Amino acid sequence: MWTRIKRLFVIKTRFEASLIIYALGLGAIERGLHYRVDYPGIGGWLLLLACTGSVFLAGAKIFDCIRYENDRGAEAQPALGVNGNTPS
């Protein structure tokens, strides 16, 4: 049962990653807009830019990790021949 619950917190596909990055982006914009209100002027704009920039960095890292995990999984499985056996 714990493995099924643990599986909910693992990002396996690019679609799941895109949904998480979208949610991160929404939160970053919301926080950045609050920064603009709390810190009027150039400081608020710079903090807004920092919030949105962090989402770009996190999104790139998430996509790179998914690509790495998929490539590593493909290397771990042996190549199968036409009849399903490993070639000799």
C-alpha atoms as a PDB file:
ATOM      1  CA  MET A   1       0.000   0.000   0.000  1.00  0.00           C
ATOM      2  CA  TRP A   2       2.848   2.399   0.807  1.00  0.00           C
ATOM      3  CA  THR A   3       4.362   1.856  -2.607  1.00  0.00           C
ATOM      4  CA  ARG A   4       1.109   2.943  -4.231  1.00  0.00           C
ATOM      5  CA  ILE A   5       1.051   6.095  -2.135  1.00  0.00           C
ATOM      6  CA  LYS A   6       4.737   6.722  -2.819  1.00  0.00           C
ATOM      7  CA  ARG A   7       4.108   6.413  -6.566  1.00  0.00           C
ATOM      8  CA  LEU A   8       1.811   9.469  -6.392  1.00  0.00           C
ATOM      9  CA  PHE A   9       4.821  11.649  -5.598  1.00  0.00           C
ATOM     10  CA  VAL A  10       7.029  10.454  -8.466  1.00  0.00           C
ATOM     11  CA  ILE A  11       7.072  12.427 -11.716  1.00  0.00           C
ATOM     12  CA  LYS A  12       7.270   9.917 -14.565  1.00  0.00           C
ATOM     13  CA  THR A  13       6.189  11.738 -17.743  1.00  0.00           C
ATOM     14  CA  ARG A  14       6.759  15.115 -19.357  1.00  0.00           C
ATOM     15  CA  PHE A  15       3.020  15.798 -19.064  1.00  0.00           C
ATOM     16  CA  GLU A  16       3.127  15.407 -15.271  1.00  0.00           C
ATOM     17  CA  ALA A  17       6.199  17.640 -15.184  1.00  0.00           C
ATOM     18  CA  SER A  18       4.408  20.265 -17.248  1.00  0.00           C
ATOM     19  CA  LEU A  19       1.492  20.295 -14.818  1.00  0.00           C
ATOM     20  CA  ILE A  20       3.833  20.771 -11.872  1.00  0.00           C
ATOM     21  CA  ILE A  21       5.759  23.528 -13.639  1.00  0.00           C
ATOM     22  CA  TYR A  22       2.466  25.251 -14.463  1.00  0.00           C
ATOM     23  CA  ALA A  23       1.485  25.155 -10.791  1.00  0.00           C
ATOM     24  CA  LEU A  24       4.903  26.501  -9.807  1.00  0.00           C
ATOM     25  CA  GLY A  25       4.467  29.306 -12.323  1.00  0.00           C
ATOM     26  CA  LEU A  26       1.069  30.277 -10.955  1.00  0.00           C
ATOM     27  CA  GLY A  27       2.452  30.427  -7.436  1.00  0.00           C
ATOM     28  CA  ALA A  28       5.486  32.426  -8.528  1.00  0.00           C
ATOM     29  CA  ILE A  29       3.377  35.028 -10.320  1.00  0.00           C
ATOM     30  CA  GLU A  30       1.075  35.339  -7.323  1.00  0.00           C
ATOM     31  CA  ARG A  31       4.029  35.845  -4.987  1.00  0.00           C
ATOM     32  CA  GLY A  32       5.643  38.270  -7.425  1.00  0.00           C
ATOM     33  CA  LEU A  33       2.487  40.374  -7.599  1.00  0.00           C
ATOM     34  CA  HIS A  34       2.450  40.569  -3.811  1.00  0.00           C
ATOM     35  CA  TYR A  35       6.083  41.669  -3.893  1.00  0.00           C
ATOM     36  CA  ARG A  36       5.150  44.485  -6.292  1.00  0.00           C
ATOM     37  CA  VAL A  37       2.564  45.725  -3.798  1.00  0.00           C
ATOM     38  CA  ASP A  38       4.828  45.374  -0.758  1.00  0.00           C
ATOM     39  CA  TYR A  39       7.920  46.844  -2.470  1.00  0.00           C
ATOM     40  CA  PRO A  40       6.818  49.525  -4.934  1.00  0.00           C
ATOM     41  CA  GLY A  41       9.250  50.603  -7.607  1.00  0.00           C
ATOM     42  CA  ILE A  42      12.158  48.772  -9.150  1.00  0.00           C
ATOM     43  CA  GLY A  43      12.659  46.486  -6.115  1.00  0.00           C
ATOM     44  CA  GLY A  44       9.236  44.915  -6.533  1.00  0.00           C
ATOM     45  CA  TRP A  45       9.805  44.399 -10.240  1.00  0.00           C
ATOM     46  CA  LEU A  46      13.177  42.758  -9.585  1.00  0.00           C
ATOM     47  CA  LEU A  47      11.638  40.395  -7.037  1.00  0.00           C
ATOM     48  CA  LEU A  48       8.863  39.539  -9.527  1.00  0.00           C
ATOM     49  CA  LEU A  49      11.520  38.775 -12.121  1.00  0.00           C
ATOM     50  CA  ALA A  50      13.415  36.595  -9.638  1.00  0.00           C
ATOM     51  CA  CYS A  51      10.255  34.614  -8.842  1.00  0.00           C
ATOM     52  CA  THR A  52       9.493  33.919 -12.489  1.00  0.00           C
ATOM     53  CA  GLY A  53      13.138  33.164 -13.286  1.00  0.00           C
ATOM     54  CA  SER A  54      13.274  30.523 -10.593  1.00  0.00           C
ATOM     55  CA  VAL A  55      10.395  28.681 -12.280  1.00  0.00           C
ATOM     56  CA  PHE A  56      12.343  28.567 -15.548  1.00  0.00           C
ATOM     57  CA  LEU A  57      15.361  27.113 -13.765  1.00  0.00           C
ATOM     58  CA  ALA A  58      13.286  24.567 -11.842  1.00  0.00           C
ATOM     59  CA  GLY A  59      11.376  23.549 -14.970  1.00  0.00           C
ATOM     60  CA  ALA A  60      14.566  22.966 -16.919  1.00  0.00           C
ATOM     61  CA  LYS A  61      15.967  20.857 -14.081  1.00  0.00           C
ATOM     62  CA  ILE A  62      12.771  18.778 -13.847  1.00  0.00           C
ATOM     63  CA  PHE A  63      12.788  18.089 -17.601  1.00  0.00           C
ATOM     64  CA  ASP A  64      16.494  17.175 -17.513  1.00  0.00           C
ATOM     65  CA  CYS A  65      15.928  14.757 -14.627  1.00  0.00           C
ATOM     66  CA  ILE A  66      13.037  13.067 -16.411  1.00  0.00           C
ATOM     67  CA  ARG A  67      15.142  12.659 -19.563  1.00  0.00           C
ATOM     68  CA  TYR A  68      18.006  11.240 -17.482  1.00  0.00           C
ATOM     69  CA  GLU A  69      15.733   8.748 -15.700  1.00  0.00           C
ATOM     70  CA  ASN A  70      14.189   7.609 -18.993  1.00  0.00           C
ATOM     71  CA  ASP A  71      17.606   7.168 -20.605  1.00  0.00           C
ATOM     72  CA  ARG A  72      18.950   5.312 -17.589  1.00  0.00           C
ATOM     73  CA  GLY A  73      15.924   2.982 -17.574  1.00  0.00           C
ATOM     74  CA  ALA A  74      16.381   2.196 -21.265  1.00  0.00           C
ATOM     75  CA  GLU A  75      20.033   1.277 -20.715  1.00  0.00           C
ATOM     76  CA  ALA A  76      19.212  -1.014 -17.795  1.00  0.00           C
ATOM     77  CA  GLN A  77      16.846  -3.164 -19.877  1.00  0.00           C
ATOM     78  CA  PRO A  78      18.528  -5.618 -22.237  1.00  0.00           C
ATOM     79  CA  ALA A  79      17.806  -5.275 -25.927  1.00  0.00           C
ATOM     80  CA  LEU A  80      15.403  -7.990 -27.083  1.00  0.00           C
ATOM     81  CA  GLY A  81      15.651  -9.802 -30.375  1.00  0.00           C
ATOM     82  CA  VAL A  82      12.835 -10.489 -32.815  1.00  0.00           C
ATOM     83  CA  ASN A  83      11.520 -13.492 -30.907  1.00  0.00           C
ATOM     84  CA  GLY A  84      11.743 -11.811 -27.480  1.00  0.00           C
ATOM     85  CA  ASN A  85      15.048 -13.399 -26.457  1.00  0.00           C
ATOM     86  CA  THR A  86      18.285 -11.562 -25.859  1.00  0.00           C
ATOM     87  CA  PRO A  87      20.492 -11.662 -28.956  1.00  0.00           C
ATOM     88  CA  SER A  88      23.677 -13.685 -28.679  1.00  0.00           C
END
